[in-house]
Amino acid sequence: MSKLFIVPTPIGNLEDMTFRAIKVLKEVDLILAEDTRTSGKLLKHYEIVTPMQSHHMHNEHKTVDSIVRRLQSGDSIALISDAGTPAISDPGFLLTRACVENAIPVECLPGATAFVPALVNSGLPNDKFVFEGFLPVKKGRQTRLQLLAEESRTMIFYESPHKLIKTLGNFVTYFGEDRMVSVSRELSKLHEETVRGTAKEVLSHFEIKPPKGEIVIVIAGKK
């Protein structure tokens, strides 16, 4: 039976790939990849020869209908992103919604995603939390920060290395310099690092030592 499989891929260490994920990627008719060059390295490592097709934020609106038709014709398709679980700050929602609307089975495999180890590593309360992903770059950023300043749950953000200083500075301004923060970078990779402290302390650390790699910020909620 045709089905869309949502398949998480390692966020760094290739050994985090699950046996089941490898089996699914070998058995489906097509793999939808965010960047076929990046995913090609993963597939080659695990000797997966299933055909790939590009599916990313710039073309997903145009390709969803054709993918749904292919699924309706009987093919099974797997969706992967460059790293982590598709649809978590990556393409995947539009296609999943279209499949649900067309009664096409969808199955999401458990697997790697960056914010879970970052949250657990942080030492901050994790019984209740809110995942914010990337903050707006310009429009709506100030409004969002003002709203989140009142959030009582632990908050999780994704950020690029060249914007980390700006974002930590925003947290000092809107949340206060004493708000507890944990920044994890390069999770599961050779140079994995987690820096914890107040917003002011963590900002000072990265002003002296510019960050590199993929970054997850975990910040305490308002007391």
Protein backbone atom coordinates (compact mmCIF):
# COMPACT_ATOMS: atom_id res chain seq x y z
CA MET A 1 0.00 0.00 0.00
CA SER A 2 1.24 3.48 -0.79
CA LYS A 3 2.38 5.53 2.18
CA LEU A 4 4.39 8.64 3.03
CA PHE A 5 7.17 7.88 5.49
CA ILE A 6 8.67 10.77 7.46
CA VAL A 7 12.21 9.61 8.20
CA PRO A 8 14.53 11.43 10.66
CA THR A 9 18.22 11.53 9.76
CA PRO A 10 21.26 12.13 12.02
CA ILE A 11 21.94 15.70 13.13
CA GLY A 12 25.68 15.03 13.00
CA ASN A 13 26.87 11.57 13.92
CA LEU A 14 25.94 9.10 11.17
CA GLU A 15 25.76 6.29 13.73
CA ASP A 16 22.52 7.82 15.04
CA MET A 17 20.68 6.48 11.99
CA THR A 18 18.24 3.73 13.05
CA PHE A 19 18.05 0.25 11.51
CA ARG A 20 14.40 0.87 10.67
CA ALA A 21 15.13 4.17 8.93
CA ILE A 22 17.74 2.47 6.73
CA LYS A 23 15.27 -0.34 5.90
CA VAL A 24 12.52 2.11 4.93
CA LEU A 25 14.85 4.20 2.74
CA LYS A 26 15.95 1.06 0.91
CA GLU A 27 12.41 -0.20 0.33
CA VAL A 28 10.48 2.91 -0.78
CA ASP A 29 10.10 3.87 -4.44
CA LEU A 30 11.35 7.44 -3.98
CA ILE A 31 13.17 9.58 -1.42
CA LEU A 32 12.33 13.28 -1.18
CA ALA A 33 15.43 15.11 0.05
CA GLU A 34 15.91 18.72 1.13
CA ASP A 35 19.35 18.80 -0.53
CA THR A 36 20.16 15.77 -2.67
CA ARG A 37 23.90 16.47 -2.41
CA THR A 38 23.85 16.43 1.38
CA SER A 39 21.54 13.41 1.57
CA GLY A 40 23.56 11.65 -1.11
CA LYS A 41 26.46 11.29 1.35
CA LEU A 42 24.18 9.63 3.91
CA LEU A 43 22.66 7.28 1.36
CA LYS A 44 26.07 6.32 0.01
CA HIS A 45 27.31 5.58 3.54
CA TYR A 46 24.48 3.09 4.06
CA GLU A 47 24.51 1.75 0.48
CA ILE A 48 21.02 3.04 -0.26
CA VAL A 49 20.41 3.34 -4.02
CA THR A 50 16.76 4.48 -3.97
CA PRO A 51 16.12 7.36 -6.42
CA MET A 52 16.04 10.85 -4.90
CA GLN A 53 14.08 13.98 -5.78
CA SER A 54 14.63 17.49 -4.46
CA HIS A 55 11.94 18.74 -2.05
CA HIS A 56 12.72 21.95 -0.18
CA MET A 57 11.15 25.20 1.03
CA HIS A 58 11.58 26.88 -2.36
CA ASN A 59 9.77 24.25 -4.43
CA GLU A 60 7.46 22.36 -2.06
CA HIS A 61 4.40 24.47 -2.94
CA LYS A 62 4.84 23.50 -6.60
CA THR A 63 5.63 19.82 -6.11
CA VAL A 64 3.11 18.72 -3.45
CA ASP A 65 0.31 17.95 -5.93
CA SER A 66 2.50 15.79 -8.16
CA ILE A 67 3.84 13.88 -5.14
CA VAL A 68 0.31 13.24 -3.90
CA ARG A 69 -0.67 11.91 -7.33
CA ARG A 70 2.31 9.57 -7.29
CA LEU A 71 1.33 8.29 -3.85
CA GLN A 72 -2.25 7.80 -5.06
CA SER A 73 -0.91 5.74 -7.97
CA GLY A 74 0.57 3.24 -5.50
CA ASP A 75 4.14 4.38 -4.83
CA SER A 76 5.62 4.59 -1.36
CA ILE A 77 7.71 7.69 -0.66
CA ALA A 78 10.07 8.73 2.14
CA LEU A 79 10.69 12.34 3.13
CA ILE A 80 14.03 13.30 4.71
CA SER A 81 15.67 16.61 5.56
CA ASP A 82 19.36 17.53 5.71
CA ALA A 83 19.40 16.68 9.41
CA GLY A 84 16.86 15.78 12.07
CA THR A 85 13.13 15.23 11.72
CA PRO A 86 11.35 16.70 8.67
CA ALA A 87 8.72 19.39 9.38
CA ILE A 88 10.55 20.56 12.53
CA SER A 89 11.85 23.91 11.19
CA ASP A 90 12.23 22.10 7.84
CA PRO A 91 9.93 21.21 4.91
CA GLY A 92 7.34 18.55 5.62
CA PHE A 93 4.16 20.13 6.94
CA LEU A 94 2.63 20.98 3.55
CA LEU A 95 3.12 17.48 2.16
CA THR A 96 1.92 15.78 5.35
CA ARG A 97 -1.23 17.92 5.41
CA ALA A 98 -1.92 17.18 1.75
CA CYS A 99 -1.59 13.44 2.39
CA VAL A 100 -3.94 13.62 5.38
CA GLU A 101 -6.48 15.57 3.32
CA ASN A 102 -6.30 12.92 0.58
CA ALA A 103 -6.55 9.95 2.97
CA ILE A 104 -2.99 8.82 2.17
CA PRO A 105 -1.36 7.01 5.12
CA VAL A 106 1.47 8.91 6.83
CA GLU A 107 3.97 7.31 9.19
CA CYS A 108 6.63 9.27 11.08
CA LEU A 109 9.54 7.22 12.36
CA PRO A 110 11.09 8.17 15.71
CA GLY A 111 14.61 9.51 15.52
CA ALA A 112 17.02 12.39 15.79
CA THR A 113 15.97 15.98 16.38
CA ALA A 114 18.26 18.66 17.79
CA PHE A 115 16.07 20.32 20.38
CA VAL A 116 15.50 17.26 22.59
CA PRO A 117 19.15 16.65 23.63
CA ALA A 118 19.65 20.42 23.94
CA LEU A 119 16.69 20.67 26.30
CA VAL A 120 17.81 17.72 28.41
CA ASN A 121 21.43 18.97 28.47
CA SER A 122 20.36 22.43 29.61
CA GLY A 123 19.48 21.51 33.17
CA LEU A 124 16.46 23.81 32.86
CA PRO A 125 12.91 22.61 33.68
CA ASN A 126 11.71 20.29 30.92
CA ASP A 127 8.37 19.08 32.26
CA LYS A 128 6.73 21.86 30.23
CA PHE A 129 8.35 23.69 27.34
CA VAL A 130 7.57 25.57 24.13
CA PHE A 131 9.45 25.12 20.86
CA GLU A 132 9.79 28.44 19.00
CA GLY A 133 12.17 27.44 16.21
CA PHE A 134 13.71 30.45 14.47
CA LEU A 135 12.68 33.94 15.58
CA PRO A 136 11.45 36.32 12.86
CA VAL A 137 14.45 37.99 11.25
CA LYS A 138 12.94 41.48 11.02
CA LYS A 139 9.16 41.93 10.80
CA GLY A 140 7.44 40.76 13.96
CA ARG A 141 10.63 40.04 15.88
CA GLN A 142 10.15 42.73 18.54
CA THR A 143 6.48 41.82 18.99
CA ARG A 144 7.34 38.14 19.39
CA LEU A 145 10.05 38.85 21.96
CA GLN A 146 7.73 41.09 23.97
CA LEU A 147 5.15 38.32 24.04
CA LEU A 148 7.68 35.63 24.98
CA ALA A 149 9.05 37.77 27.82
CA GLU A 150 5.93 36.73 29.76
CA GLU A 151 6.18 33.01 28.89
CA SER A 152 6.57 30.87 32.03
CA ARG A 153 7.60 27.65 30.28
CA THR A 154 11.13 26.83 29.16
CA MET A 155 11.64 28.08 25.59
CA ILE A 156 13.65 26.49 22.77
CA PHE A 157 15.02 28.34 19.75
CA TYR A 158 17.10 27.45 16.72
CA GLU A 159 19.68 30.00 15.57
CA SER A 160 22.46 30.36 13.03
CA PRO A 161 25.98 31.13 14.32
CA HIS A 162 26.18 34.59 12.74
CA LYS A 163 22.91 35.68 14.42
CA LEU A 164 23.54 34.18 17.86
CA ILE A 165 25.07 37.35 19.36
CA LYS A 166 22.12 39.45 18.19
CA THR A 167 19.60 36.97 19.58
CA LEU A 168 21.33 36.66 22.95
CA GLY A 169 21.45 40.46 23.09
CA ASN A 170 17.71 40.53 22.45
CA PHE A 171 17.20 38.10 25.32
CA VAL A 172 19.18 40.35 27.66
CA THR A 173 17.04 43.31 26.59
CA TYR A 174 13.62 41.67 26.67
CA PHE A 175 14.01 38.85 29.24
CA GLY A 176 16.62 40.40 31.54
CA GLU A 177 20.35 39.78 31.93
CA ASP A 178 19.83 37.29 34.78
CA ARG A 179 17.54 34.91 32.85
CA MET A 180 19.15 31.45 32.69
CA VAL A 181 20.23 30.29 29.24
CA SER A 182 21.84 27.20 27.75
CA VAL A 183 23.36 27.20 24.26
CA SER A 184 24.18 23.85 22.64
CA ARG A 185 26.07 23.64 19.38
CA GLU A 186 27.37 20.87 17.13
CA LEU A 187 25.23 18.29 18.96
CA SER A 188 26.41 14.70 18.40
CA LYS A 189 29.49 15.96 16.53
CA LEU A 190 33.18 15.97 17.47
CA HIS A 191 33.18 19.54 18.85
CA GLU A 192 29.86 19.37 20.70
CA GLU A 193 29.57 22.09 23.35
CA THR A 194 26.96 23.35 25.80
CA VAL A 195 27.42 26.74 27.48
CA ARG A 196 25.18 27.53 30.45
CA GLY A 197 24.70 30.64 32.55
CA THR A 198 22.76 33.89 32.70
CA ALA A 199 21.87 35.59 29.44
CA LYS A 200 24.56 38.17 30.12
CA GLU A 201 27.22 35.52 30.90
CA VAL A 202 26.45 33.42 27.82
CA LEU A 203 26.41 36.51 25.61
CA SER A 204 29.83 37.55 26.97
CA HIS A 205 31.20 34.06 26.31
CA PHE A 206 30.24 34.08 22.64
CA GLU A 207 31.34 37.69 22.13
CA ILE A 208 34.83 36.51 23.08
CA LYS A 209 34.55 33.12 21.36
CA PRO A 210 32.49 33.43 18.14
CA PRO A 211 30.29 30.36 17.66
CA LYS A 212 30.38 27.84 14.84
CA GLY A 213 27.98 25.10 13.78
CA GLU A 214 24.30 24.39 14.31
CA ILE A 215 22.89 26.02 17.45
CA VAL A 216 20.00 25.38 19.85
CA ILE A 217 19.18 27.94 22.54
CA VAL A 218 17.22 26.90 25.64
CA ILE A 219 16.07 29.69 27.95
CA ALA A 220 14.20 29.58 31.22
CA GLY A 221 10.66 30.90 31.41
CA LYS A 222 9.62 33.85 33.51
CA LYS A 223 9.36 33.05 37.21
